[in-house]
Amino acid sequence: MTAMDWTIRPARPGDEHTLLELVRELADYERAPDQVDATPQDLHRALFADSPTAEAVLAERSGQALGFALFFTNYSTWTGRPGLYLEDLFVREVERGKGLGKALLLHLASIAHARDYGRMEWSVLDWNQPAIDFYRALGAKPMDEWTVFRLDRQALERLVGPA
């Protein structure tokens, strides 16, 4: 088989367990294996509800998952347009270096372009130099002057009380 014998397709109902397996592999890679709380039901609700909050694509070869990308729409007041925010992009270790990560990113760029979005953004861990080098090689620019802030679930509850 050649490196380009994969397909990239939109996730569909029934893919939740596969996606969660890939999310867990990503968490292992990112040194945070105990931080995945998502369930297949959570993914189903986010991806396939009447008003989905996210979208995902799966890369496959002969029905076997090789990687995925999960993304959602954000909005920029500066561009006056929606944007595509890439939450996760992951390729299984045995498939890395064969162009699949680039193919997934180009697939999402095509979606953003076709939808007339103003931009595409994502975050990368500071220590993930292979990913940083990969993104820079594609022409992506780091937003070094920005710092990401987060209120996690516990912080939200402390701030406003239980849901």
N, C-alpha and C. Protein backbone atom coordinates (compact mmCIF):
# COMPACT_ATOMS: atom_id res chain seq x y z
N MET A 1 0.83 -1.19 0.00
CA MET A 1 0.00 0.00 0.00
C MET A 1 0.87 1.25 0.00
N THR A 2 0.41 2.26 -0.67
CA THR A 2 1.15 3.52 -0.71
C THR A 2 0.72 4.41 0.44
N ALA A 3 1.46 5.48 0.66
CA ALA A 3 1.15 6.40 1.74
C ALA A 3 -0.17 7.11 1.52
N MET A 4 -0.61 7.23 0.26
CA MET A 4 -1.81 8.02 -0.02
C MET A 4 -3.03 7.14 -0.32
N ASP A 5 -3.08 5.97 0.28
CA ASP A 5 -4.21 5.08 0.03
C ASP A 5 -5.29 5.22 1.09
N TRP A 6 -5.35 6.36 1.72
CA TRP A 6 -6.37 6.62 2.73
C TRP A 6 -7.51 7.41 2.14
N THR A 7 -8.58 7.49 2.88
CA THR A 7 -9.69 8.37 2.54
C THR A 7 -9.98 9.25 3.75
N ILE A 8 -10.51 10.42 3.49
CA ILE A 8 -10.94 11.32 4.56
C ILE A 8 -12.43 11.54 4.34
N ARG A 9 -13.20 11.30 5.38
CA ARG A 9 -14.65 11.43 5.26
C ARG A 9 -15.21 12.09 6.52
N PRO A 10 -16.41 12.70 6.39
CA PRO A 10 -17.05 13.25 7.58
C PRO A 10 -17.40 12.13 8.56
N ALA A 11 -17.27 12.42 9.84
CA ALA A 11 -17.71 11.45 10.85
C ALA A 11 -19.22 11.29 10.73
N ARG A 12 -19.69 10.11 11.07
CA ARG A 12 -21.13 9.84 11.01
C ARG A 12 -21.53 9.06 12.27
N PRO A 13 -22.82 9.04 12.59
CA PRO A 13 -23.26 8.28 13.75
C PRO A 13 -22.74 6.85 13.66
N GLY A 14 -22.25 6.37 14.78
CA GLY A 14 -21.60 5.06 14.82
C GLY A 14 -20.09 5.17 14.94
N ASP A 15 -19.54 6.36 14.67
CA ASP A 15 -18.09 6.58 14.76
C ASP A 15 -17.64 7.03 16.15
N GLU A 16 -18.57 7.20 17.08
CA GLU A 16 -18.24 7.79 18.38
C GLU A 16 -17.17 7.01 19.13
N HIS A 17 -17.25 5.69 19.14
CA HIS A 17 -16.26 4.88 19.87
C HIS A 17 -14.88 4.99 19.23
N THR A 18 -14.84 4.99 17.91
CA THR A 18 -13.57 5.15 17.21
C THR A 18 -12.96 6.52 17.49
N LEU A 19 -13.79 7.55 17.43
CA LEU A 19 -13.30 8.90 17.72
C LEU A 19 -12.77 9.00 19.14
N LEU A 20 -13.49 8.41 20.09
CA LEU A 20 -13.04 8.47 21.48
C LEU A 20 -11.73 7.71 21.67
N GLU A 21 -11.56 6.61 20.97
CA GLU A 21 -10.30 5.86 21.02
C GLU A 21 -9.15 6.75 20.51
N LEU A 22 -9.39 7.46 19.42
CA LEU A 22 -8.37 8.36 18.88
C LEU A 22 -8.10 9.54 19.83
N VAL A 23 -9.16 10.06 20.45
CA VAL A 23 -8.99 11.15 21.42
C VAL A 23 -8.12 10.66 22.58
N ARG A 24 -8.33 9.46 23.04
CA ARG A 24 -7.51 8.91 24.13
C ARG A 24 -6.06 8.73 23.71
N GLU A 25 -5.84 8.32 22.47
CA GLU A 25 -4.46 8.21 21.97
C GLU A 25 -3.81 9.59 21.90
N LEU A 26 -4.58 10.59 21.48
CA LEU A 26 -4.08 11.96 21.47
C LEU A 26 -3.73 12.41 22.88
N ALA A 27 -4.58 12.12 23.85
CA ALA A 27 -4.31 12.50 25.23
C ALA A 27 -3.03 11.83 25.74
N ASP A 28 -2.82 10.58 25.38
CA ASP A 28 -1.56 9.91 25.74
C ASP A 28 -0.37 10.65 25.14
N TYR A 29 -0.46 10.98 23.87
CA TYR A 29 0.62 11.70 23.19
C TYR A 29 0.88 13.05 23.85
N GLU A 30 -0.18 13.72 24.28
CA GLU A 30 -0.05 15.05 24.89
C GLU A 30 0.21 14.97 26.39
N ARG A 31 0.54 13.77 26.89
CA ARG A 31 0.94 13.57 28.28
C ARG A 31 -0.19 13.89 29.26
N ALA A 32 -1.41 13.65 28.85
CA ALA A 32 -2.57 13.93 29.70
C ALA A 32 -3.61 12.82 29.62
N PRO A 33 -3.18 11.56 29.81
CA PRO A 33 -4.13 10.45 29.60
C PRO A 33 -5.30 10.43 30.56
N ASP A 34 -5.16 11.03 31.72
CA ASP A 34 -6.24 11.01 32.71
C ASP A 34 -7.21 12.17 32.58
N GLN A 35 -7.04 13.00 31.57
CA GLN A 35 -7.87 14.20 31.45
C GLN A 35 -9.04 14.04 30.48
N VAL A 36 -9.20 12.88 29.88
CA VAL A 36 -10.32 12.66 28.96
C VAL A 36 -11.54 12.20 29.75
N ASP A 37 -12.54 13.06 29.80
CA ASP A 37 -13.80 12.73 30.47
C ASP A 37 -14.91 12.42 29.46
N ALA A 38 -14.69 12.71 28.20
CA ALA A 38 -15.71 12.56 27.17
C ALA A 38 -16.17 11.11 27.07
N THR A 39 -17.43 10.95 26.70
CA THR A 39 -18.02 9.63 26.48
C THR A 39 -18.50 9.56 25.03
N PRO A 40 -18.79 8.37 24.54
CA PRO A 40 -19.38 8.28 23.20
C PRO A 40 -20.67 9.09 23.09
N GLN A 41 -21.45 9.12 24.16
CA GLN A 41 -22.69 9.89 24.15
C GLN A 41 -22.40 11.39 24.02
N ASP A 42 -21.36 11.86 24.70
CA ASP A 42 -20.97 13.27 24.58
C ASP A 42 -20.60 13.60 23.13
N LEU A 43 -19.82 12.73 22.52
CA LEU A 43 -19.43 12.97 21.12
C LEU A 43 -20.64 12.92 20.20
N HIS A 44 -21.54 11.98 20.45
CA HIS A 44 -22.74 11.90 19.63
C HIS A 44 -23.54 13.19 19.71
N ARG A 45 -23.73 13.68 20.92
CA ARG A 45 -24.49 14.92 21.14
C ARG A 45 -23.80 16.11 20.45
N ALA A 46 -22.49 16.20 20.57
CA ALA A 46 -21.76 17.32 19.98
C ALA A 46 -21.75 17.28 18.46
N LEU A 47 -21.65 16.09 17.90
CA LEU A 47 -21.47 15.97 16.45
C LEU A 47 -22.76 15.74 15.66
N PHE A 48 -23.76 15.11 16.30
CA PHE A 48 -24.91 14.66 15.52
C PHE A 48 -26.26 15.11 16.05
N ALA A 49 -26.28 15.99 17.03
CA ALA A 49 -27.55 16.52 17.55
C ALA A 49 -28.20 17.40 16.48
N ASP A 50 -29.42 17.83 16.75
CA ASP A 50 -30.13 18.71 15.81
C ASP A 50 -29.33 19.99 15.54
N SER A 51 -28.67 20.50 16.55
CA SER A 51 -27.79 21.68 16.39
C SER A 51 -26.40 21.30 16.87
N PRO A 52 -25.61 20.62 16.03
CA PRO A 52 -24.29 20.16 16.46
C PRO A 52 -23.39 21.34 16.82
N THR A 53 -22.51 21.10 17.78
CA THR A 53 -21.56 22.13 18.20
C THR A 53 -20.17 21.91 17.63
N ALA A 54 -19.97 20.78 16.96
CA ALA A 54 -18.66 20.47 16.38
C ALA A 54 -18.86 19.57 15.17
N GLU A 55 -17.80 19.43 14.41
CA GLU A 55 -17.75 18.52 13.28
C GLU A 55 -16.46 17.73 13.37
N ALA A 56 -16.42 16.59 12.72
CA ALA A 56 -15.20 15.79 12.71
C ALA A 56 -15.07 15.09 11.37
N VAL A 57 -13.83 14.82 11.01
CA VAL A 57 -13.53 13.99 9.85
C VAL A 57 -12.61 12.86 10.31
N LEU A 58 -12.75 11.72 9.69
CA LEU A 58 -11.92 10.56 9.96
C LEU A 58 -11.09 10.23 8.74
N ALA A 59 -9.84 9.89 8.97
CA ALA A 59 -8.97 9.36 7.91
C ALA A 59 -8.93 7.85 8.10
N GLU A 60 -9.15 7.12 7.02
CA GLU A 60 -9.24 5.66 7.10
C GLU A 60 -8.49 5.00 5.95
N ARG A 61 -8.11 3.76 6.21
CA ARG A 61 -7.60 2.86 5.18
C ARG A 61 -8.29 1.53 5.39
N SER A 62 -8.99 1.07 4.40
CA SER A 62 -9.68 -0.22 4.47
C SER A 62 -10.55 -0.32 5.72
N GLY A 63 -11.23 0.78 6.06
CA GLY A 63 -12.12 0.79 7.20
C GLY A 63 -11.45 0.95 8.55
N GLN A 64 -10.13 1.06 8.57
CA GLN A 64 -9.39 1.24 9.83
C GLN A 64 -9.04 2.70 10.02
N ALA A 65 -9.35 3.24 11.19
CA ALA A 65 -9.08 4.65 11.49
C ALA A 65 -7.58 4.90 11.63
N LEU A 66 -7.11 5.91 10.90
CA LEU A 66 -5.70 6.30 10.95
C LEU A 66 -5.51 7.61 11.69
N GLY A 67 -6.54 8.43 11.72
CA GLY A 67 -6.46 9.74 12.35
C GLY A 67 -7.78 10.45 12.24
N PHE A 68 -7.82 11.66 12.83
CA PHE A 68 -9.05 12.44 12.79
C PHE A 68 -8.73 13.90 12.99
N ALA A 69 -9.72 14.72 12.68
CA ALA A 69 -9.69 16.14 13.02
C ALA A 69 -11.07 16.50 13.50
N LEU A 70 -11.12 17.27 14.59
CA LEU A 70 -12.39 17.75 15.14
C LEU A 70 -12.31 19.27 15.16
N PHE A 71 -13.38 19.92 14.69
CA PHE A 71 -13.35 21.37 14.55
C PHE A 71 -14.73 21.95 14.79
N PHE A 72 -14.78 23.26 14.96
CA PHE A 72 -16.05 23.96 15.14
C PHE A 72 -15.91 25.36 14.58
N THR A 73 -17.04 26.02 14.45
CA THR A 73 -17.07 27.38 13.92
C THR A 73 -16.93 28.38 15.06
N ASN A 74 -16.06 29.35 14.85
CA ASN A 74 -15.99 30.49 15.76
C ASN A 74 -16.30 31.74 14.94
N TYR A 75 -16.12 32.90 15.51
CA TYR A 75 -16.44 34.13 14.79
C TYR A 75 -15.41 35.20 15.12
N SER A 76 -15.01 35.94 14.11
CA SER A 76 -14.07 37.05 14.29
C SER A 76 -14.78 38.37 14.01
N THR A 77 -14.81 39.23 15.02
CA THR A 77 -15.36 40.56 14.79
C THR A 77 -14.43 41.36 13.88
N TRP A 78 -13.16 41.01 13.85
CA TRP A 78 -12.21 41.76 13.02
C TRP A 78 -12.39 41.45 11.54
N THR A 79 -12.61 40.17 11.21
CA THR A 79 -12.82 39.83 9.80
C THR A 79 -14.29 39.95 9.41
N GLY A 80 -15.17 39.96 10.41
CA GLY A 80 -16.61 40.00 10.12
C GLY A 80 -17.11 38.70 9.53
N ARG A 81 -16.37 37.63 9.78
CA ARG A 81 -16.72 36.32 9.21
C ARG A 81 -16.53 35.22 10.25
N PRO A 82 -17.21 34.12 10.04
CA PRO A 82 -16.92 32.95 10.86
C PRO A 82 -15.51 32.46 10.55
N GLY A 83 -15.01 31.62 11.42
CA GLY A 83 -13.73 30.97 11.20
C GLY A 83 -13.84 29.51 11.59
N LEU A 84 -12.86 28.75 11.20
CA LEU A 84 -12.80 27.35 11.56
C LEU A 84 -11.77 27.22 12.67
N TYR A 85 -12.18 26.68 13.81
CA TYR A 85 -11.25 26.42 14.91
C TYR A 85 -10.99 24.93 14.97
N LEU A 86 -9.75 24.55 14.77
CA LEU A 86 -9.34 23.15 14.83
C LEU A 86 -9.04 22.80 16.28
N GLU A 87 -9.89 22.00 16.87
CA GLU A 87 -9.71 21.60 18.27
C GLU A 87 -8.65 20.51 18.38
N ASP A 88 -8.76 19.49 17.53
CA ASP A 88 -7.82 18.37 17.59
C ASP A 88 -7.52 17.86 16.19
N LEU A 89 -6.26 17.58 15.96
CA LEU A 89 -5.82 16.88 14.77
C LEU A 89 -4.86 15.81 15.27
N PHE A 90 -5.11 14.57 14.89
CA PHE A 90 -4.29 13.47 15.39
C PHE A 90 -4.14 12.42 14.32
N VAL A 91 -2.90 11.94 14.18
CA VAL A 91 -2.58 10.83 13.28
C VAL A 91 -1.87 9.77 14.11
N ARG A 92 -2.32 8.54 13.99
CA ARG A 92 -1.68 7.45 14.75
C ARG A 92 -0.20 7.39 14.40
N GLU A 93 0.59 7.02 15.40
CA GLU A 93 2.05 7.07 15.29
C GLU A 93 2.59 6.33 14.06
N VAL A 94 2.06 5.17 13.76
CA VAL A 94 2.57 4.38 12.63
C VAL A 94 2.30 5.04 11.29
N GLU A 95 1.39 6.01 11.26
CA GLU A 95 1.04 6.69 10.01
C GLU A 95 1.70 8.06 9.86
N ARG A 96 2.42 8.51 10.87
CA ARG A 96 3.02 9.85 10.83
C ARG A 96 4.16 9.90 9.82
N GLY A 97 4.35 11.07 9.25
CA GLY A 97 5.43 11.27 8.30
C GLY A 97 5.10 10.84 6.88
N LYS A 98 3.86 10.49 6.62
CA LYS A 98 3.45 10.02 5.30
C LYS A 98 2.54 11.00 4.57
N GLY A 99 2.30 12.17 5.20
CA GLY A 99 1.47 13.18 4.55
C GLY A 99 0.03 13.21 5.00
N LEU A 100 -0.36 12.32 5.91
CA LEU A 100 -1.76 12.28 6.33
C LEU A 100 -2.14 13.49 7.16
N GLY A 101 -1.27 13.94 8.05
CA GLY A 101 -1.56 15.15 8.83
C GLY A 101 -1.77 16.34 7.92
N LYS A 102 -0.92 16.47 6.93
CA LYS A 102 -1.07 17.57 5.96
C LYS A 102 -2.37 17.42 5.19
N ALA A 103 -2.71 16.20 4.81
CA ALA A 103 -3.95 15.96 4.07
C ALA A 103 -5.17 16.35 4.92
N LEU A 104 -5.15 16.01 6.20
CA LEU A 104 -6.25 16.40 7.08
C LEU A 104 -6.34 17.91 7.21
N LEU A 105 -5.20 18.58 7.38
CA LEU A 105 -5.20 20.03 7.51
C LEU A 105 -5.68 20.69 6.22
N LEU A 106 -5.24 20.19 5.08
CA LEU A 106 -5.68 20.73 3.79
C LEU A 106 -7.18 20.49 3.58
N HIS A 107 -7.67 19.35 4.05
CA HIS A 107 -9.10 19.07 3.96
C HIS A 107 -9.89 20.13 4.72
N LEU A 108 -9.44 20.45 5.93
CA LEU A 108 -10.12 21.47 6.72
C LEU A 108 -9.97 22.85 6.10
N ALA A 109 -8.79 23.15 5.56
CA ALA A 109 -8.60 24.43 4.88
C ALA A 109 -9.56 24.55 3.70
N SER A 110 -9.79 23.45 3.00
CA SER A 110 -10.75 23.47 1.89
C SER A 110 -12.16 23.74 2.37
N ILE A 111 -12.52 23.17 3.51
CA ILE A 111 -13.84 23.42 4.09
C ILE A 111 -13.97 24.90 4.44
N ALA A 112 -12.95 25.44 5.14
CA ALA A 112 -12.99 26.85 5.53
C ALA A 112 -13.08 27.75 4.31
N HIS A 113 -12.34 27.44 3.28
CA HIS A 113 -12.36 28.24 2.06
C HIS A 113 -13.72 28.16 1.37
N ALA A 114 -14.25 26.95 1.25
CA ALA A 114 -15.55 26.77 0.59
C ALA A 114 -16.67 27.48 1.34
N ARG A 115 -16.55 27.59 2.64
CA ARG A 115 -17.58 28.25 3.45
C ARG A 115 -17.33 29.76 3.57
N ASP A 116 -16.29 30.25 2.91
CA ASP A 116 -15.94 31.67 2.92
C ASP A 116 -15.60 32.17 4.33
N TYR A 117 -14.96 31.32 5.11
CA TYR A 117 -14.53 31.71 6.45
C TYR A 117 -13.35 32.68 6.35
N GLY A 118 -13.21 33.50 7.37
CA GLY A 118 -12.15 34.50 7.40
C GLY A 118 -10.79 33.97 7.79
N ARG A 119 -10.77 32.86 8.53
CA ARG A 119 -9.50 32.29 8.96
C ARG A 119 -9.71 30.92 9.58
N MET A 120 -8.59 30.28 9.83
CA MET A 120 -8.55 28.97 10.47
C MET A 120 -7.51 29.07 11.57
N GLU A 121 -7.86 28.62 12.76
CA GLU A 121 -6.95 28.74 13.90
C GLU A 121 -6.92 27.45 14.71
N TRP A 122 -5.86 27.30 15.50
CA TRP A 122 -5.72 26.17 16.41
C TRP A 122 -4.63 26.51 17.41
N SER A 123 -4.52 25.69 18.43
CA SER A 123 -3.48 25.83 19.44
C SER A 123 -2.56 24.61 19.35
N VAL A 124 -1.33 24.81 19.76
CA VAL A 124 -0.37 23.71 19.82
C VAL A 124 0.42 23.85 21.12
N LEU A 125 0.71 22.73 21.73
CA LEU A 125 1.49 22.75 22.97
C LEU A 125 2.90 23.27 22.69
N ASP A 126 3.41 24.08 23.60
CA ASP A 126 4.73 24.69 23.43
C ASP A 126 5.84 23.67 23.20
N TRP A 127 5.74 22.50 23.80
CA TRP A 127 6.79 21.50 23.71
C TRP A 127 6.68 20.63 22.45
N ASN A 128 5.60 20.75 21.69
CA ASN A 128 5.38 19.88 20.54
C ASN A 128 6.08 20.45 19.30
N GLN A 129 7.40 20.41 19.32
CA GLN A 129 8.20 21.00 18.24
C GLN A 129 7.92 20.38 16.87
N PRO A 130 7.71 19.05 16.77
CA PRO A 130 7.38 18.51 15.44
C PRO A 130 6.13 19.15 14.85
N ALA A 131 5.09 19.35 15.67
CA ALA A 131 3.87 19.98 15.18
C ALA A 131 4.12 21.44 14.83
N ILE A 132 4.85 22.15 15.68
CA ILE A 132 5.16 23.56 15.42
C ILE A 132 5.90 23.70 14.09
N ASP A 133 6.90 22.86 13.87
CA ASP A 133 7.66 22.90 12.62
C ASP A 133 6.76 22.59 11.42
N PHE A 134 5.89 21.61 11.58
CA PHE A 134 4.96 21.22 10.52
C PHE A 134 4.04 22.39 10.17
N TYR A 135 3.45 23.03 11.17
CA TYR A 135 2.53 24.13 10.92
C TYR A 135 3.24 25.33 10.28
N ARG A 136 4.44 25.62 10.75
CA ARG A 136 5.21 26.73 10.16
C ARG A 136 5.53 26.44 8.69
N ALA A 137 5.85 25.19 8.39
CA ALA A 137 6.18 24.81 7.01
C ALA A 137 4.98 25.00 6.09
N LEU A 138 3.79 24.93 6.63
CA LEU A 138 2.58 25.13 5.84
C LEU A 138 2.23 26.61 5.67
N GLY A 139 2.96 27.48 6.37
CA GLY A 139 2.70 28.91 6.28
C GLY A 139 1.88 29.46 7.44
N ALA A 140 1.58 28.62 8.43
CA ALA A 140 0.85 29.10 9.61
C ALA A 140 1.78 29.96 10.46
N LYS A 141 1.21 30.97 11.07
CA LYS A 141 2.00 31.88 11.90
C LYS A 141 1.59 31.73 13.36
N PRO A 142 2.57 31.61 14.26
CA PRO A 142 2.22 31.55 15.68
C PRO A 142 1.74 32.91 16.16
N MET A 143 0.82 32.88 17.08
CA MET A 143 0.27 34.10 17.67
C MET A 143 0.92 34.29 19.04
N ASP A 144 2.23 34.52 19.02
CA ASP A 144 3.01 34.56 20.26
C ASP A 144 2.55 35.63 21.23
N GLU A 145 1.94 36.67 20.74
CA GLU A 145 1.52 37.75 21.63
C GLU A 145 0.23 37.43 22.38
N TRP A 146 -0.39 36.28 22.10
CA TRP A 146 -1.63 35.89 22.74
C TRP A 146 -1.36 34.79 23.76
N THR A 147 -2.08 34.83 24.86
CA THR A 147 -2.03 33.78 25.88
C THR A 147 -3.43 33.20 26.01
N VAL A 148 -3.51 31.89 25.95
CA VAL A 148 -4.80 31.23 26.09
C VAL A 148 -5.18 31.18 27.57
N PHE A 149 -6.41 31.54 27.87
CA PHE A 149 -6.95 31.41 29.22
C PHE A 149 -8.09 30.41 29.17
N ARG A 150 -8.31 29.73 30.30
CA ARG A 150 -9.37 28.73 30.34
C ARG A 150 -10.01 28.70 31.73
N LEU A 151 -11.31 28.65 31.76
CA LEU A 151 -12.05 28.31 32.96
C LEU A 151 -12.53 26.87 32.77
N ASP A 152 -12.01 25.93 33.56
CA ASP A 152 -12.47 24.55 33.43
C ASP A 152 -13.81 24.39 34.15
N ARG A 153 -14.34 23.20 34.13
CA ARG A 153 -15.68 22.97 34.69
C ARG A 153 -15.76 23.36 36.17
N GLN A 154 -14.73 22.99 36.94
CA GLN A 154 -14.73 23.32 38.37
C GLN A 154 -14.66 24.83 38.57
N ALA A 155 -13.85 25.52 37.78
CA ALA A 155 -13.74 26.97 37.90
C ALA A 155 -15.06 27.64 37.53
N LEU A 156 -15.73 27.12 36.51
CA LEU A 156 -17.04 27.67 36.14
C LEU A 156 -18.04 27.52 37.28
N GLU A 157 -18.04 26.33 37.90
CA GLU A 157 -18.97 26.11 39.01
C GLU A 157 -18.64 27.03 40.20
N ARG A 158 -17.36 27.25 40.48
CA ARG A 158 -16.99 28.17 41.56
C ARG A 158 -17.45 29.59 41.22
N LEU A 159 -17.39 29.93 39.95
CA LEU A 159 -17.74 31.28 39.52
C LEU A 159 -19.25 31.53 39.53
N VAL A 160 -20.02 30.58 39.02
CA VAL A 160 -21.46 30.82 38.86
C VAL A 160 -22.35 29.82 39.57
N GLY A 161 -21.79 28.81 40.19
CA GLY A 161 -22.59 27.80 40.86
C GLY A 161 -22.84 26.59 39.97
N PRO A 162 -23.40 25.54 40.56
CA PRO A 162 -23.65 24.31 39.78
C PRO A 162 -24.67 24.53 38.66
N ALA A 163 -24.55 23.73 37.64
CA ALA A 163 -25.47 23.82 36.49
C ALA A 163 -26.86 23.39 36.85
